[in-house]
C-alpha atoms as a PDB file:
ATOM      1  CA  MET A   1      84.878 128.854 182.962  1.00  0.00           C
ATOM      2  CA  LYS A   2      87.769 127.218 184.802  1.00  0.00           C
ATOM      3  CA  LYS A   3      85.487 124.544 186.185  1.00  0.00           C
ATOM      4  CA  SER A   4      84.223 123.640 182.712  1.00  0.00           C
ATOM      5  CA  ASN A   5      87.790 123.373 181.398  1.00  0.00           C
ATOM      6  CA  ILE A   6      88.771 121.138 184.329  1.00  0.00           C
ATOM      7  CA  VAL A   7      85.682 118.927 183.827  1.00  0.00           C
ATOM      8  CA  MET A   8      86.359 118.623 180.087  1.00  0.00           C
ATOM      9  CA  GLY A   9      89.995 117.739 180.760  1.00  0.00           C
ATOM     10  CA  LEU A  10      89.054 115.046 183.271  1.00  0.00           C
ATOM     11  CA  MET A  11      86.515 113.557 180.854  1.00  0.00           C
ATOM     12  CA  ALA A  12      89.089 113.437 178.062  1.00  0.00           C
ATOM     13  CA  VAL A  13      91.663 111.738 180.297  1.00  0.00           C
ATOM     14  CA  SER A  14      89.123 109.179 181.538  1.00  0.00           C
ATOM     15  CA  LEU A  15      87.995 108.372 177.976  1.00  0.00           C
ATOM     16  CA  LEU A  16      91.559 107.901 176.807  1.00  0.00           C
ATOM     17  CA  ALA A  17      92.336 105.698 179.799  1.00  0.00           C
ATOM     18  CA  GLY A  18      89.190 103.662 179.161  1.00  0.00           C
ATOM     19  CA  CYS A  19      90.335 102.755 175.644  1.00  0.00           C
ATOM     20  CA  GLY A  20      93.231 100.752 177.088  1.00  0.00           C
ATOM     21  CA  VAL A  21      90.943  98.702 179.333  1.00  0.00           C
ATOM     22  CA  PHE A  22      89.367  96.670 176.528  1.00  0.00           C
ATOM     23  CA  ASP A  23      91.509  93.855 175.199  1.00  0.00           C
ATOM     24  CA  ARG A  24      92.084  93.809 171.452  1.00  0.00           C
ATOM     25  CA  LYS A  25      92.192  90.453 169.764  1.00  0.00           C
ATOM     26  CA  GLN A  26      95.000  90.208 167.258  1.00  0.00           C
ATOM     27  CA  THR A  27      94.209  88.032 164.260  1.00  0.00           C
ATOM     28  CA  ASP A  28      97.064  86.445 162.389  1.00  0.00           C
ATOM     29  CA  TYR A  29      95.855  86.203 158.831  1.00  0.00           C
ATOM     30  CA  LYS A  30      99.128  84.777 157.513  1.00  0.00           C
ATOM     31  CA  ALA A  31      99.066  81.680 159.752  1.00  0.00           C
ATOM     32  CA  GLY A  32      96.308  79.808 157.885  1.00  0.00           C
ATOM     33  CA  ALA A  33      97.048  81.095 154.384  1.00  0.00           C
ATOM     34  CA  ALA A  34      98.395  78.725 151.754  1.00  0.00           C
ATOM     35  CA  PRO A  35     101.377  80.052 149.792  1.00  0.00           C
ATOM     36  CA  ALA A  36     100.465  81.045 146.237  1.00  0.00           C
ATOM     37  CA  ALA A  37     102.669  80.739 143.182  1.00  0.00           C
ATOM     38  CA  ALA A  38     104.577  83.858 142.177  1.00  0.00           C
ATOM     39  CA  LEU A  39     103.109  85.925 139.372  1.00  0.00           C
ATOM     40  CA  GLU A  40     104.745  85.505 136.004  1.00  0.00           C
ATOM     41  CA  VAL A  41     105.508  88.600 133.928  1.00  0.00           C
ATOM     42  CA  PRO A  42     105.295  88.168 130.139  1.00  0.00           C
ATOM     43  CA  PRO A  43     108.675  88.701 128.420  1.00  0.00           C
ATOM     44  CA  GLU A  44     107.366  91.517 126.175  1.00  0.00           C
ATOM     45  CA  LEU A  45     106.465  93.514 129.289  1.00  0.00           C
ATOM     46  CA  SER A  46     109.703  92.916 131.158  1.00  0.00           C
ATOM     47  CA  SER A  47     112.214  93.676 128.386  1.00  0.00           C
ATOM     48  CA  PRO A  48     112.434  97.254 127.038  1.00  0.00           C
ATOM     49  CA  VAL A  49     111.521  97.842 123.403  1.00  0.00           C
ATOM     50  CA  THR A  50     114.438  99.175 121.386  1.00  0.00           C
ATOM     51  CA  GLU A  51     114.491 100.575 117.895  1.00  0.00           C
ATOM     52  CA  GLN A  52     117.445 100.698 115.557  1.00  0.00           C
ATOM     53  CA  ARG A  53     116.834 104.311 114.629  1.00  0.00           C
ATOM     54  CA  PHE A  54     117.921 105.378 118.129  1.00  0.00           C
ATOM     55  CA  ALA A  55     121.115 103.274 118.180  1.00  0.00           C
ATOM     56  CA  ILE A  56     124.355 105.105 118.954  1.00  0.00           C
ATOM     57  CA  PRO A  57     127.132 104.735 116.376  1.00  0.00           C
ATOM     58  CA  ALA A  58     129.784 102.233 117.415  1.00  0.00           C
ATOM     59  CA  ASP A  59     133.468 103.039 117.756  1.00  0.00           C
ATOM     60  CA  GLU A  60     136.244 102.085 115.276  1.00  0.00           C
ATOM     61  CA  GLY A  61     134.517 103.863 112.405  1.00  0.00           C
ATOM     62  CA  LYS A  62     131.530 101.524 112.166  1.00  0.00           C
ATOM     63  CA  GLN A  63     128.303 103.358 111.565  1.00  0.00           C
ATOM     64  CA  VAL A  64     125.244 101.826 113.176  1.00  0.00           C
ATOM     65  CA  ALA A  65     122.573 104.336 112.124  1.00  0.00           C
ATOM     66  CA  LYS A  66     122.429 106.744 109.215  1.00  0.00           C
ATOM     67  CA  TYR A  67     120.800 110.137 109.455  1.00  0.00           C
ATOM     68  CA  SER A  68     118.206 109.226 106.821  1.00  0.00           C
ATOM     69  CA  GLU A  69     117.156 106.156 108.809  1.00  0.00           C
ATOM     70  CA  PHE A  70     116.983 108.204 112.000  1.00  0.00           C
ATOM     71  CA  ALA A  71     114.952 111.019 110.406  1.00  0.00           C
ATOM     72  CA  ARG A  72     112.501 108.615 108.805  1.00  0.00           C
ATOM     73  CA  GLU A  73     109.354 108.360 110.860  1.00  0.00           C
ATOM     74  CA  LYS A  74     108.017 105.073 112.081  1.00  0.00           C
ATOM     75  CA  VAL A  75     105.617 103.496 109.576  1.00  0.00           C
ATOM     76  CA  PRO A  76     102.058 103.652 110.925  1.00  0.00           C
ATOM     77  CA  GLU A  77     100.390 100.309 111.386  1.00  0.00           C
ATOM     78  CA  PRO A  78      97.249  99.683 109.336  1.00  0.00           C
ATOM     79  CA  CYS A  79      94.076 100.145 111.318  1.00  0.00           C
ATOM     80  CA  ALA A  80      90.967  97.997 111.139  1.00  0.00           C
ATOM     81  CA  LEU A  81      88.626 100.840 110.152  1.00  0.00           C
ATOM     82  CA  PRO A  82      90.261 103.568 108.063  1.00  0.00           C
ATOM     83  CA  ALA A  83      88.994 107.085 108.662  1.00  0.00           C
ATOM     84  CA  SER A  84      86.627 108.218 105.950  1.00  0.00           C
ATOM     85  CA  ALA A  85      87.292 111.456 104.145  1.00  0.00           C
ATOM     86  CA  PRO A  86      84.856 114.283 104.841  1.00  0.00           C
ATOM     87  CA  VAL A  87      82.215 114.768 102.190  1.00  0.00           C
ATOM     88  CA  ALA A  88      82.718 117.985 100.266  1.00  0.00           C
ATOM     89  CA  VAL A  89      79.714 120.226  99.779  1.00  0.00           C
ATOM     90  CA  SER A  90      79.383 121.401  96.203  1.00  0.00           C
ATOM     91  CA  ALA A  91      79.406 125.143  95.598  1.00  0.00           C
ATOM     92  CA  ALA A  92      76.063 124.918  93.785  1.00  0.00           C
ATOM     93  CA  VAL A  93      74.304 123.890  97.004  1.00  0.00           C
ATOM     94  CA  VAL A  94      75.494 126.819  99.160  1.00  0.00           C
ATOM     95  CA  VAL A  95      72.728 129.410  99.419  1.00  0.00           C
ATOM     96  CA  SER A  96      72.910 132.782 101.152  1.00  0.00           C
ATOM     97  CA  ALA A  97      69.190 133.609 101.388  1.00  0.00           C
ATOM     98  CA  PRO A  98      66.124 131.382 101.076  1.00  0.00           C
ATOM     99  CA  LYS A  99      65.412 130.541  97.433  1.00  0.00           C
ATOM    100  CA  LEU A 100      62.317 129.126  95.793  1.00  0.00           C
ATOM    101  CA  LEU A 101      63.411 126.523  93.236  1.00  0.00           C
ATOM    102  CA  GLU A 102      61.873 124.046  90.816  1.00  0.00           C
ATOM    103  CA  VAL A 103      63.711 120.926  89.683  1.00  0.00           C
ATOM    104  CA  GLY A 104      61.967 118.395  87.464  1.00  0.00           C
ATOM    105  CA  GLY A 105      58.501 119.710  88.328  1.00  0.00           C
ATOM    106  CA  LEU A 106      59.183 119.570  92.081  1.00  0.00           C
ATOM    107  CA  HIS A 107      58.918 122.932  93.841  1.00  0.00           C
ATOM    108  CA  PHE A 108      60.876 123.505  97.056  1.00  0.00           C
ATOM    109  CA  MET A 109      62.483 126.217  99.150  1.00  0.00           C
ATOM    110  CA  LEU A 110      66.206 126.025  99.943  1.00  0.00           C
ATOM    111  CA  MET A 111      67.550 127.591 103.164  1.00  0.00           C
ATOM    112  CA  ASP A 112      71.227 127.920 104.117  1.00  0.00           C
ATOM    113  CA  GLU A 113      70.618 127.003 107.764  1.00  0.00           C
ATOM    114  CA  ALA A 114      70.792 123.990 110.029  1.00  0.00           C
ATOM    115  CA  PHE A 115      67.633 121.995 110.735  1.00  0.00           C
ATOM    116  CA  ASP A 116      67.012 123.543 114.181  1.00  0.00           C
ATOM    117  CA  LYS A 117      67.007 127.103 112.906  1.00  0.00           C
ATOM    118  CA  SER A 118      65.061 126.224 109.745  1.00  0.00           C
ATOM    119  CA  TRP A 119      62.413 124.338 111.757  1.00  0.00           C
ATOM    120  CA  ARG A 120      61.861 127.394 113.934  1.00  0.00           C
ATOM    121  CA  ASN A 121      61.839 129.809 110.963  1.00  0.00           C
ATOM    122  CA  VAL A 122      59.319 127.677 109.037  1.00  0.00           C
ATOM    123  CA  GLY A 123      57.085 127.517 112.133  1.00  0.00           C
ATOM    124  CA  LEU A 124      57.227 131.315 112.470  1.00  0.00           C
ATOM    125  CA  ALA A 125      56.595 131.740 108.729  1.00  0.00           C
ATOM    126  CA  LEU A 126      53.513 129.498 108.931  1.00  0.00           C
ATOM    127  CA  GLU A 127      52.262 131.669 111.776  1.00  0.00           C
ATOM    128  CA  LYS A 128      52.942 134.901 109.819  1.00  0.00           C
ATOM    129  CA  ALA A 129      51.226 133.522 106.718  1.00  0.00           C
ATOM    130  CA  GLY A 130      48.122 132.745 108.773  1.00  0.00           C
ATOM    131  CA  LEU A 131      48.307 129.001 108.166  1.00  0.00           C
ATOM    132  CA  ALA A 132      46.992 126.971 111.103  1.00  0.00           C
ATOM    133  CA  VAL A 133      49.173 124.083 112.271  1.00  0.00           C
ATOM    134  CA  ALA A 134      47.176 121.026 113.374  1.00  0.00           C
ATOM    135  CA  ASP A 135      50.179 118.999 114.558  1.00  0.00           C
ATOM    136  CA  ARG A 136      53.948 118.822 114.240  1.00  0.00           C
ATOM    137  CA  ASP A 137      56.470 115.980 114.335  1.00  0.00           C
ATOM    138  CA  ARG A 138      59.939 117.453 114.809  1.00  0.00           C
ATOM    139  CA  SER A 139      61.703 114.061 114.718  1.00  0.00           C
ATOM    140  CA  LYS A 140      60.445 113.523 111.143  1.00  0.00           C
ATOM    141  CA  GLY A 141      60.485 117.237 110.236  1.00  0.00           C
ATOM    142  CA  ILE A 142      56.763 117.488 109.370  1.00  0.00           C
ATOM    143  CA  TYR A 143      54.197 120.225 110.045  1.00  0.00           C
ATOM    144  CA  PHE A 144      50.600 119.036 109.573  1.00  0.00           C
ATOM    145  CA  LEU A 145      48.374 121.942 108.503  1.00  0.00           C
ATOM    146  CA  LYS A 146      44.672 122.253 109.243  1.00  0.00           C
ATOM    147  CA  PRO A 147      42.685 121.806 106.033  1.00  0.00           C
ATOM    148  CA  ALA A 148      40.806 124.802 104.682  1.00  0.00           C
ATOM    149  CA  ALA A 149      36.996 124.760 104.857  1.00  0.00           C
ATOM    150  CA  LYS A 150      36.676 124.257 101.085  1.00  0.00           C
ATOM    151  CA  ALA A 151      39.329 121.506 100.880  1.00  0.00           C
ATOM    152  CA  LYS A 152      38.403 117.948 100.014  1.00  0.00           C
ATOM    153  CA  LYS A 153      38.419 115.427 102.837  1.00  0.00           C
ATOM    154  CA  GLY A 154      41.658 113.418 103.025  1.00  0.00           C
ATOM    155  CA  ASP A 155      43.777 116.050 101.258  1.00  0.00           C
ATOM    156  CA  GLU A 156      45.693 117.364 104.244  1.00  0.00           C
ATOM    157  CA  LEU A 157      48.700 119.602 103.712  1.00  0.00           C
ATOM    158  CA  GLN A 158      52.095 118.628 105.107  1.00  0.00           C
ATOM    159  CA  VAL A 159      55.199 120.814 105.219  1.00  0.00           C
ATOM    160  CA  PHE A 160      58.440 118.803 105.173  1.00  0.00           C
ATOM    161  CA  VAL A 161      61.678 120.282 106.565  1.00  0.00           C
ATOM    162  CA  HIS A 162      64.780 118.217 105.692  1.00  0.00           C
ATOM    163  CA  GLU A 163      68.483 119.034 106.202  1.00  0.00           C
ATOM    164  CA  THR A 164      71.409 117.779 104.131  1.00  0.00           C
ATOM    165  CA  SER A 165      74.969 118.982 104.856  1.00  0.00           C
ATOM    166  CA  GLY A 166      73.871 122.161 106.624  1.00  0.00           C
ATOM    167  CA  VAL A 167      71.395 123.158 103.887  1.00  0.00           C
ATOM    168  CA  THR A 168      67.685 122.680 104.536  1.00  0.00           C
ATOM    169  CA  ASP A 169      65.003 122.110 101.919  1.00  0.00           C
ATOM    170  CA  VAL A 170      61.316 122.747 102.576  1.00  0.00           C
ATOM    171  CA  THR A 171      58.607 121.033 100.512  1.00  0.00           C
ATOM    172  CA  VAL A 172      54.813 121.077 100.763  1.00  0.00           C
ATOM    173  CA  LYS A 173      52.673 118.059  99.942  1.00  0.00           C
ATOM    174  CA  GLU A 174      48.880 117.828  99.589  1.00  0.00           C
ATOM    175  CA  GLY A 175      47.836 114.220 100.084  1.00  0.00           C
ATOM    176  CA  ASN A 176      50.311 112.417  97.810  1.00  0.00           C
ATOM    177  CA  ASP A 177      50.695 115.321  95.362  1.00  0.00           C
ATOM    178  CA  LEU A 178      53.831 117.467  95.635  1.00  0.00           C
ATOM    179  CA  SER A 179      52.842 119.838  92.818  1.00  0.00           C
ATOM    180  CA  SER A 180      49.178 120.622  93.500  1.00  0.00           C
ATOM    181  CA  ASN A 181      47.961 124.223  93.291  1.00  0.00           C
ATOM    182  CA  GLU A 182      47.264 124.370  97.040  1.00  0.00           C
ATOM    183  CA  ALA A 183      50.750 123.017  97.866  1.00  0.00           C
ATOM    184  CA  LEU A 184      52.347 125.634  95.585  1.00  0.00           C
ATOM    185  CA  ARG A 185      50.230 128.398  97.167  1.00  0.00           C
ATOM    186  CA  VAL A 186      51.356 127.367 100.677  1.00  0.00           C
ATOM    187  CA  LEU A 187      55.005 127.107  99.574  1.00  0.00           C
ATOM    188  CA  ASN A 188      54.844 130.600  98.023  1.00  0.00           C
ATOM    189  CA  ALA A 189      53.241 131.990 101.201  1.00  0.00           C
ATOM    190  CA  LEU A 190      56.001 130.352 103.269  1.00  0.00           C
ATOM    191  CA  PHE A 191      58.689 131.790 101.008  1.00  0.00           C
ATOM    192  CA  GLN A 192      57.198 135.291 101.243  1.00  0.00           C
ATOM    193  CA  SER A 193      57.034 135.049 105.050  1.00  0.00           C
ATOM    194  CA  VAL A 194      60.586 133.689 105.429  1.00  0.00           C
ATOM    195  CA  SER A 195      62.046 136.267 103.019  1.00  0.00           C
ATOM    196  CA  LYS A 196      60.700 139.218 105.039  1.00  0.00           C
END
C-alpha cells in the first residue's frame, strides 16, 4: 500500500512538472484592434422618471402636492386591443340533468356537461341502446351509425354532439332530415340510455 502511494505521488509530481515544460504562446488581442466609438445611451434611459404626485412639499409654506393629487392613481394608458367582457350564460340554458327538447320542430337532447364528458356519455349510451357505430369523428363531434337492414340505401344516421358555453346538445340526423321517425327513435333511445 505504501509503494502504491509513493508511485502515485511521484506520477502526480512528474505530471505537474511536465506542464511547465511546454511554452505557452500569449496572444495580444488588443494590439491589432481598432478603437470603436463609445456607446451612446438614450436620454430617456439615463435620466430618472419623476412624477409630481411624489414631490415633497417645499419650505416657506408653499405646497407642492395636495393629498388628493397624491392619492389619485395614475391614469391607465389606452391599449391597442381592449379586453372583451366574458359572455354571460343565460339561466334558461343551464340544465341539471339531460333533457329531451323540441324547438321549432327540431328535436334534440341538452346535457349540462362539457364536450369531452358528453362525447363519452353519448358513446356509452349508443352502446347501451344496442346501436352499432360504423365510424366516429371526434373533431367534428359526429357518430356515424350502421344502417339497419330494412333502411333505404343512402339514409345513414348521424349523431351530432356540439358544445356551447359548457352545455352540450345532441341531435340525430337521417340523411338530410333532422325530424325523421328513425332519427327521433334513435334520439329517444339515446335519451333513455343517458338518463339511466
